[in-house]
N, C-alpha and C. Protein backbone atom coordinates (compact mmCIF):
# COMPACT_ATOMS: atom_id res chain seq x y z
N MET A 1 1.37 39.37 4.47
CA MET A 1 1.54 38.59 5.68
C MET A 1 3.03 38.64 6.04
N SER A 2 3.31 38.82 7.30
CA SER A 2 4.70 38.92 7.75
C SER A 2 5.35 37.52 7.80
N LEU A 3 6.64 37.50 7.70
CA LEU A 3 7.39 36.25 7.71
C LEU A 3 7.22 35.46 9.01
N PRO A 4 7.29 36.09 10.19
CA PRO A 4 7.09 35.31 11.43
C PRO A 4 5.72 34.64 11.52
N VAL A 5 4.68 35.31 11.02
CA VAL A 5 3.35 34.72 11.04
C VAL A 5 3.29 33.52 10.08
N LEU A 6 3.88 33.65 8.90
CA LEU A 6 3.92 32.57 7.93
C LEU A 6 4.68 31.35 8.49
N VAL A 7 5.82 31.60 9.13
CA VAL A 7 6.60 30.52 9.72
C VAL A 7 5.80 29.82 10.82
N ALA A 8 5.09 30.59 11.63
CA ALA A 8 4.27 30.00 12.69
C ALA A 8 3.15 29.14 12.12
N ILE A 9 2.50 29.60 11.05
CA ILE A 9 1.42 28.84 10.43
C ILE A 9 1.96 27.54 9.84
N VAL A 10 3.10 27.59 9.15
CA VAL A 10 3.69 26.39 8.57
C VAL A 10 4.09 25.40 9.66
N ALA A 11 4.73 25.89 10.72
CA ALA A 11 5.15 25.01 11.82
C ALA A 11 3.94 24.36 12.48
N LEU A 12 2.88 25.11 12.69
CA LEU A 12 1.66 24.55 13.29
C LEU A 12 1.04 23.52 12.35
N GLY A 13 1.03 23.79 11.07
CA GLY A 13 0.49 22.84 10.11
C GLY A 13 1.26 21.54 10.09
N ILE A 14 2.56 21.62 10.14
CA ILE A 14 3.39 20.41 10.17
C ILE A 14 3.15 19.63 11.45
N ALA A 15 3.09 20.32 12.58
CA ALA A 15 2.86 19.67 13.86
C ALA A 15 1.49 18.96 13.89
N LEU A 16 0.47 19.62 13.34
CA LEU A 16 -0.85 19.01 13.31
C LEU A 16 -0.89 17.80 12.37
N SER A 17 -0.16 17.87 11.27
CA SER A 17 -0.09 16.73 10.34
C SER A 17 0.58 15.53 10.99
N VAL A 18 1.68 15.77 11.67
CA VAL A 18 2.39 14.69 12.36
C VAL A 18 1.51 14.09 13.45
N ALA A 19 0.83 14.92 14.20
CA ALA A 19 -0.06 14.44 15.26
C ALA A 19 -1.21 13.61 14.67
N ALA A 20 -1.78 14.07 13.56
CA ALA A 20 -2.88 13.33 12.93
C ALA A 20 -2.43 11.95 12.47
N VAL A 21 -1.25 11.87 11.86
CA VAL A 21 -0.72 10.57 11.42
C VAL A 21 -0.50 9.66 12.62
N HIS A 22 0.09 10.20 13.69
CA HIS A 22 0.36 9.39 14.88
C HIS A 22 -0.92 8.87 15.51
N PHE A 23 -1.90 9.74 15.71
CA PHE A 23 -3.11 9.34 16.41
C PHE A 23 -4.06 8.49 15.58
N THR A 24 -3.87 8.44 14.27
CA THR A 24 -4.69 7.56 13.43
C THR A 24 -4.00 6.23 13.15
N GLY A 25 -2.88 5.95 13.86
CA GLY A 25 -2.23 4.66 13.76
C GLY A 25 -1.04 4.63 12.81
N GLY A 26 -0.63 5.75 12.29
CA GLY A 26 0.48 5.79 11.35
C GLY A 26 1.83 5.47 11.94
N SER A 27 1.99 5.60 13.25
CA SER A 27 3.27 5.29 13.88
C SER A 27 3.26 3.93 14.57
N LYS A 28 2.21 3.15 14.34
CA LYS A 28 2.09 1.82 14.92
C LYS A 28 3.13 0.88 14.31
N THR A 29 3.74 0.06 15.13
CA THR A 29 4.71 -0.91 14.63
C THR A 29 4.10 -2.31 14.66
N ALA A 30 4.43 -3.08 13.65
CA ALA A 30 3.89 -4.42 13.51
C ALA A 30 4.61 -5.39 14.45
N ALA A 31 3.84 -6.27 15.06
CA ALA A 31 4.39 -7.34 15.90
C ALA A 31 3.57 -8.60 15.63
N LEU A 32 4.22 -9.72 15.71
CA LEU A 32 3.57 -11.00 15.46
C LEU A 32 2.89 -11.51 16.73
N ALA A 33 1.66 -11.93 16.61
CA ALA A 33 0.92 -12.44 17.77
C ALA A 33 1.40 -13.83 18.17
N GLY A 34 2.04 -14.53 17.24
CA GLY A 34 2.53 -15.87 17.55
C GLY A 34 2.96 -16.58 16.28
N PRO A 35 3.36 -17.84 16.43
CA PRO A 35 3.81 -18.61 15.27
C PRO A 35 2.75 -18.76 14.17
N ASP A 36 1.49 -18.87 14.57
CA ASP A 36 0.44 -19.03 13.57
C ASP A 36 0.30 -17.80 12.68
N GLN A 37 0.42 -16.62 13.27
CA GLN A 37 0.35 -15.40 12.47
C GLN A 37 1.56 -15.31 11.53
N ALA A 38 2.73 -15.71 12.01
CA ALA A 38 3.92 -15.70 11.16
C ALA A 38 3.74 -16.65 9.98
N LEU A 39 3.22 -17.84 10.24
CA LEU A 39 2.97 -18.80 9.16
C LEU A 39 1.95 -18.27 8.16
N SER A 40 0.90 -17.67 8.68
CA SER A 40 -0.15 -17.13 7.82
C SER A 40 0.37 -15.99 6.95
N ARG A 41 1.12 -15.09 7.56
CA ARG A 41 1.66 -13.95 6.79
C ARG A 41 2.66 -14.43 5.74
N PHE A 42 3.48 -15.39 6.09
CA PHE A 42 4.46 -15.92 5.14
C PHE A 42 3.74 -16.63 3.98
N ALA A 43 2.68 -17.35 4.27
CA ALA A 43 1.91 -18.08 3.26
C ALA A 43 1.24 -17.14 2.26
N GLU A 44 0.96 -15.89 2.66
CA GLU A 44 0.39 -14.93 1.72
C GLU A 44 1.33 -14.67 0.55
N ASP A 45 2.62 -14.58 0.83
CA ASP A 45 3.61 -14.29 -0.21
C ASP A 45 4.21 -15.55 -0.83
N PHE A 46 4.27 -16.63 -0.06
CA PHE A 46 4.86 -17.88 -0.53
C PHE A 46 3.92 -19.04 -0.24
N PRO A 47 2.81 -19.15 -0.98
CA PRO A 47 1.79 -20.16 -0.66
C PRO A 47 2.27 -21.60 -0.86
N ASP A 48 3.29 -21.83 -1.66
CA ASP A 48 3.75 -23.19 -1.92
C ASP A 48 4.81 -23.68 -0.93
N GLU A 49 5.20 -22.83 0.00
CA GLU A 49 6.23 -23.19 0.98
C GLU A 49 5.59 -23.71 2.26
N THR A 50 6.25 -24.70 2.86
CA THR A 50 5.78 -25.28 4.12
C THR A 50 6.89 -25.18 5.15
N ALA A 51 6.59 -24.55 6.27
CA ALA A 51 7.58 -24.38 7.32
C ALA A 51 7.56 -25.57 8.27
N VAL A 52 8.75 -25.98 8.68
CA VAL A 52 8.89 -27.08 9.64
C VAL A 52 8.89 -26.54 11.06
N THR A 53 9.64 -25.44 11.27
CA THR A 53 9.79 -24.84 12.60
C THR A 53 9.66 -23.33 12.48
N VAL A 54 9.06 -22.70 13.49
CA VAL A 54 8.96 -21.24 13.56
C VAL A 54 9.66 -20.77 14.82
N ARG A 55 10.59 -19.82 14.65
CA ARG A 55 11.31 -19.25 15.79
C ARG A 55 11.03 -17.75 15.84
N LEU A 56 10.37 -17.30 16.91
CA LEU A 56 10.07 -15.88 17.09
C LEU A 56 11.15 -15.20 17.91
N THR A 57 11.46 -13.95 17.57
CA THR A 57 12.39 -13.18 18.38
C THR A 57 11.68 -12.76 19.67
N ALA A 58 12.45 -12.34 20.64
CA ALA A 58 11.91 -11.96 21.95
C ALA A 58 10.92 -10.80 21.85
N ASP A 59 11.15 -9.86 20.91
CA ASP A 59 10.25 -8.72 20.76
C ASP A 59 9.08 -9.01 19.83
N ALA A 60 9.00 -10.21 19.28
CA ALA A 60 7.92 -10.67 18.38
C ALA A 60 7.82 -9.84 17.11
N LYS A 61 8.90 -9.20 16.71
CA LYS A 61 8.87 -8.43 15.46
C LYS A 61 9.39 -9.23 14.28
N THR A 62 10.05 -10.36 14.55
CA THR A 62 10.61 -11.17 13.48
C THR A 62 10.40 -12.65 13.77
N ALA A 63 10.11 -13.39 12.71
CA ALA A 63 10.00 -14.84 12.81
C ALA A 63 10.89 -15.46 11.75
N PHE A 64 11.57 -16.53 12.12
CA PHE A 64 12.42 -17.28 11.20
C PHE A 64 11.78 -18.66 11.05
N LEU A 65 11.52 -19.04 9.81
CA LEU A 65 10.83 -20.29 9.51
C LEU A 65 11.80 -21.23 8.80
N ASP A 66 11.95 -22.42 9.34
CA ASP A 66 12.79 -23.44 8.71
C ASP A 66 11.98 -24.06 7.58
N LEU A 67 12.42 -23.86 6.34
CA LEU A 67 11.71 -24.36 5.17
C LEU A 67 12.30 -25.65 4.62
N GLY A 68 13.39 -26.12 5.24
CA GLY A 68 14.06 -27.31 4.73
C GLY A 68 14.95 -26.98 3.54
N ARG A 69 15.74 -27.94 3.12
CA ARG A 69 16.66 -27.80 2.00
C ARG A 69 17.58 -26.58 2.14
N GLY A 70 17.95 -26.24 3.38
CA GLY A 70 18.89 -25.15 3.63
C GLY A 70 18.32 -23.76 3.43
N ARG A 71 17.00 -23.63 3.49
CA ARG A 71 16.36 -22.32 3.28
C ARG A 71 15.64 -21.87 4.54
N ILE A 72 15.70 -20.57 4.79
CA ILE A 72 15.04 -19.96 5.94
C ILE A 72 14.06 -18.90 5.43
N GLY A 73 12.82 -18.97 5.90
CA GLY A 73 11.84 -17.93 5.61
C GLY A 73 11.89 -16.89 6.72
N ILE A 74 11.73 -15.63 6.35
CA ILE A 74 11.76 -14.55 7.33
C ILE A 74 10.49 -13.73 7.20
N VAL A 75 9.87 -13.44 8.33
CA VAL A 75 8.75 -12.50 8.42
C VAL A 75 9.23 -11.44 9.41
N HIS A 76 9.39 -10.20 8.92
CA HIS A 76 9.97 -9.13 9.75
C HIS A 76 9.08 -7.90 9.70
N GLY A 77 8.75 -7.36 10.86
CA GLY A 77 7.93 -6.16 10.94
C GLY A 77 8.73 -4.90 10.62
N ILE A 78 8.23 -4.14 9.67
CA ILE A 78 8.80 -2.83 9.33
C ILE A 78 7.64 -1.84 9.32
N GLY A 79 7.68 -0.89 10.24
CA GLY A 79 6.55 0.01 10.37
C GLY A 79 5.32 -0.78 10.78
N ASP A 80 4.22 -0.59 10.06
CA ASP A 80 3.01 -1.35 10.39
C ASP A 80 2.78 -2.51 9.41
N CYS A 81 3.80 -2.85 8.63
CA CYS A 81 3.71 -3.92 7.64
C CYS A 81 4.74 -5.01 7.93
N PHE A 82 4.61 -6.10 7.20
CA PHE A 82 5.57 -7.20 7.34
C PHE A 82 6.29 -7.43 6.02
N LEU A 83 7.59 -7.62 6.10
CA LEU A 83 8.43 -7.98 4.98
C LEU A 83 8.65 -9.49 5.05
N THR A 84 8.63 -10.15 3.92
CA THR A 84 8.91 -11.59 3.90
C THR A 84 10.04 -11.86 2.92
N ARG A 85 10.89 -12.82 3.27
CA ARG A 85 12.02 -13.21 2.43
C ARG A 85 12.28 -14.70 2.61
N ILE A 86 12.89 -15.29 1.60
CA ILE A 86 13.47 -16.62 1.72
C ILE A 86 14.97 -16.42 1.51
N VAL A 87 15.76 -16.88 2.47
CA VAL A 87 17.21 -16.72 2.36
C VAL A 87 17.89 -18.08 2.52
N THR A 88 19.07 -18.15 1.98
CA THR A 88 19.93 -19.32 2.11
C THR A 88 21.25 -18.84 2.69
N PRO A 89 22.09 -19.74 3.15
CA PRO A 89 23.40 -19.31 3.66
C PRO A 89 24.21 -18.51 2.63
N ARG A 90 24.00 -18.76 1.34
CA ARG A 90 24.72 -18.02 0.30
C ARG A 90 24.32 -16.55 0.24
N ASP A 91 23.14 -16.20 0.75
CA ASP A 91 22.66 -14.81 0.77
C ASP A 91 23.27 -14.00 1.91
N VAL A 92 23.88 -14.68 2.87
CA VAL A 92 24.41 -14.03 4.07
C VAL A 92 25.84 -13.57 3.80
N THR A 93 26.09 -12.26 4.02
CA THR A 93 27.44 -11.72 3.82
C THR A 93 28.21 -11.59 5.13
N ALA A 94 27.51 -11.52 6.26
CA ALA A 94 28.16 -11.46 7.58
C ALA A 94 27.23 -12.10 8.60
N LEU A 95 27.82 -12.84 9.53
CA LEU A 95 27.03 -13.56 10.52
C LEU A 95 27.81 -13.59 11.83
N THR A 96 27.19 -13.11 12.91
CA THR A 96 27.84 -13.12 14.22
C THR A 96 26.84 -13.51 15.30
N ALA A 97 27.38 -14.05 16.38
CA ALA A 97 26.59 -14.34 17.57
C ALA A 97 27.08 -13.41 18.67
N GLY A 98 26.23 -12.46 19.06
CA GLY A 98 26.62 -11.48 20.07
C GLY A 98 26.71 -12.09 21.45
N ASP A 99 25.72 -12.86 21.82
CA ASP A 99 25.72 -13.62 23.07
C ASP A 99 24.90 -14.88 22.81
N ALA A 100 24.58 -15.61 23.84
CA ALA A 100 23.89 -16.89 23.65
C ALA A 100 22.52 -16.74 22.99
N ASN A 101 21.87 -15.59 23.18
CA ASN A 101 20.51 -15.40 22.67
C ASN A 101 20.42 -14.48 21.45
N THR A 102 21.54 -14.00 20.92
CA THR A 102 21.51 -12.98 19.88
C THR A 102 22.28 -13.42 18.64
N VAL A 103 21.67 -13.16 17.49
CA VAL A 103 22.29 -13.44 16.19
C VAL A 103 22.19 -12.16 15.36
N SER A 104 23.29 -11.79 14.73
CA SER A 104 23.31 -10.66 13.80
C SER A 104 23.76 -11.16 12.44
N PHE A 105 23.12 -10.67 11.41
CA PHE A 105 23.56 -11.03 10.07
C PHE A 105 23.27 -9.91 9.08
N GLN A 106 24.03 -9.92 8.01
CA GLN A 106 23.81 -9.00 6.90
C GLN A 106 23.55 -9.83 5.65
N LEU A 107 22.65 -9.33 4.82
CA LEU A 107 22.31 -10.01 3.58
C LEU A 107 22.84 -9.23 2.39
N ALA A 108 23.02 -9.92 1.29
CA ALA A 108 23.44 -9.28 0.05
C ALA A 108 22.28 -8.51 -0.59
N ASP A 109 21.06 -8.73 -0.15
CA ASP A 109 19.86 -8.08 -0.67
C ASP A 109 19.90 -6.59 -0.35
N PHE A 110 19.84 -5.73 -1.37
CA PHE A 110 19.90 -4.29 -1.12
C PHE A 110 18.59 -3.73 -0.56
N THR A 111 17.49 -4.47 -0.65
CA THR A 111 16.21 -3.96 -0.14
C THR A 111 16.03 -4.18 1.36
N TRP A 112 16.78 -5.11 1.92
CA TRP A 112 16.77 -5.33 3.37
C TRP A 112 18.09 -5.98 3.73
N LYS A 113 18.83 -5.32 4.58
CA LYS A 113 20.19 -5.75 4.89
C LYS A 113 20.30 -6.75 6.03
N GLY A 114 19.21 -7.04 6.74
CA GLY A 114 19.30 -7.95 7.88
C GLY A 114 19.22 -7.16 9.18
N GLY A 115 19.93 -7.61 10.21
CA GLY A 115 19.89 -6.90 11.48
C GLY A 115 20.39 -7.75 12.63
N ARG A 116 20.02 -7.31 13.83
CA ARG A 116 20.40 -7.98 15.08
C ARG A 116 19.12 -8.50 15.71
N PHE A 117 19.09 -9.78 16.03
CA PHE A 117 17.87 -10.43 16.50
C PHE A 117 18.13 -11.17 17.80
N SER A 118 17.32 -10.85 18.81
CA SER A 118 17.45 -11.48 20.13
C SER A 118 16.28 -12.43 20.35
N PHE A 119 16.61 -13.59 20.89
CA PHE A 119 15.62 -14.63 21.16
C PHE A 119 15.51 -14.83 22.67
N ALA A 120 14.36 -15.30 23.11
CA ALA A 120 14.17 -15.62 24.53
C ALA A 120 14.92 -16.88 24.89
N ASP A 121 15.16 -17.74 23.91
CA ASP A 121 15.78 -19.03 24.14
C ASP A 121 17.07 -19.13 23.33
N ALA A 122 18.16 -19.49 23.98
CA ALA A 122 19.46 -19.63 23.31
C ALA A 122 19.44 -20.74 22.28
N VAL A 123 18.58 -21.74 22.45
CA VAL A 123 18.48 -22.84 21.48
C VAL A 123 18.00 -22.30 20.13
N ASP A 124 17.04 -21.38 20.14
CA ASP A 124 16.55 -20.79 18.89
C ASP A 124 17.64 -19.98 18.21
N ALA A 125 18.38 -19.21 18.99
CA ALA A 125 19.47 -18.41 18.42
C ALA A 125 20.53 -19.31 17.80
N GLN A 126 20.89 -20.37 18.48
CA GLN A 126 21.91 -21.29 17.96
C GLN A 126 21.42 -22.01 16.71
N ALA A 127 20.16 -22.38 16.67
CA ALA A 127 19.60 -23.05 15.50
C ALA A 127 19.63 -22.13 14.29
N LEU A 128 19.30 -20.85 14.49
CA LEU A 128 19.36 -19.89 13.38
C LEU A 128 20.80 -19.67 12.93
N LEU A 129 21.70 -19.55 13.89
CA LEU A 129 23.13 -19.38 13.58
C LEU A 129 23.64 -20.56 12.76
N ASN A 130 23.27 -21.77 13.15
CA ASN A 130 23.69 -22.96 12.42
C ASN A 130 23.09 -23.00 11.01
N ALA A 131 21.81 -22.65 10.90
CA ALA A 131 21.14 -22.70 9.60
C ALA A 131 21.72 -21.68 8.62
N LEU A 132 21.97 -20.47 9.11
CA LEU A 132 22.51 -19.43 8.23
C LEU A 132 24.00 -19.58 8.00
N GLY A 133 24.68 -20.25 8.90
CA GLY A 133 26.12 -20.39 8.79
C GLY A 133 26.57 -21.60 8.00
N SER A 134 25.67 -22.57 7.80
CA SER A 134 26.08 -23.76 7.06
C SER A 134 26.38 -23.41 5.61
N HIS A 135 27.47 -23.96 5.12
CA HIS A 135 27.93 -23.70 3.75
C HIS A 135 28.32 -22.26 3.52
N HIS A 136 28.54 -21.49 4.57
CA HIS A 136 28.90 -20.08 4.41
C HIS A 136 30.31 -19.88 4.94
N SER A 137 31.26 -19.77 4.07
CA SER A 137 32.67 -19.73 4.47
C SER A 137 33.09 -18.39 5.07
N ASN A 138 32.30 -17.32 4.84
CA ASN A 138 32.69 -16.01 5.35
C ASN A 138 32.02 -15.66 6.66
N SER A 139 31.32 -16.60 7.28
CA SER A 139 30.62 -16.28 8.52
C SER A 139 31.61 -16.12 9.66
N THR A 140 31.26 -15.21 10.55
CA THR A 140 32.06 -14.98 11.74
C THR A 140 31.23 -15.41 12.92
N ARG A 141 31.73 -16.34 13.66
CA ARG A 141 31.01 -16.81 14.84
C ARG A 141 31.79 -16.40 16.07
N GLU A 142 31.21 -15.46 16.78
CA GLU A 142 31.86 -14.96 17.99
C GLU A 142 31.06 -15.39 19.20
N ALA A 143 31.71 -15.90 20.16
CA ALA A 143 31.04 -16.24 21.41
C ALA A 143 31.35 -15.16 22.42
N ALA A 144 30.32 -14.67 23.08
CA ALA A 144 30.52 -13.61 24.07
C ALA A 144 30.79 -14.19 25.43
């Protein structure tokens, strides 16, 4: 078999594999239908925790749950699955407010570093900024 024919067969095989994964739902991204789904998903991993408040991001890919005692629960969509974490201000290595509706933070956790999160309501963004920034001396609060 000639090299050009072999290259064509391999390229076609790869393209068909990628298409099959995409069309069978492999490229689907997870989004939260609402606060109830965020609470339910968080309860799967942390059944003994009770959330007081749920704050969804504008794109519905992340929810922040106020657990009390200075702890925040996170439900974040990665691919077609959800990651859950409990964080405290001590876990935050960097914290900024991009604008009234946006909060960015980095975590010391090597498995998930955090990110930039936009809310539909500036009150939710400020509440998260306050919760993650309390007792955190290295936080940077920038007003845009």
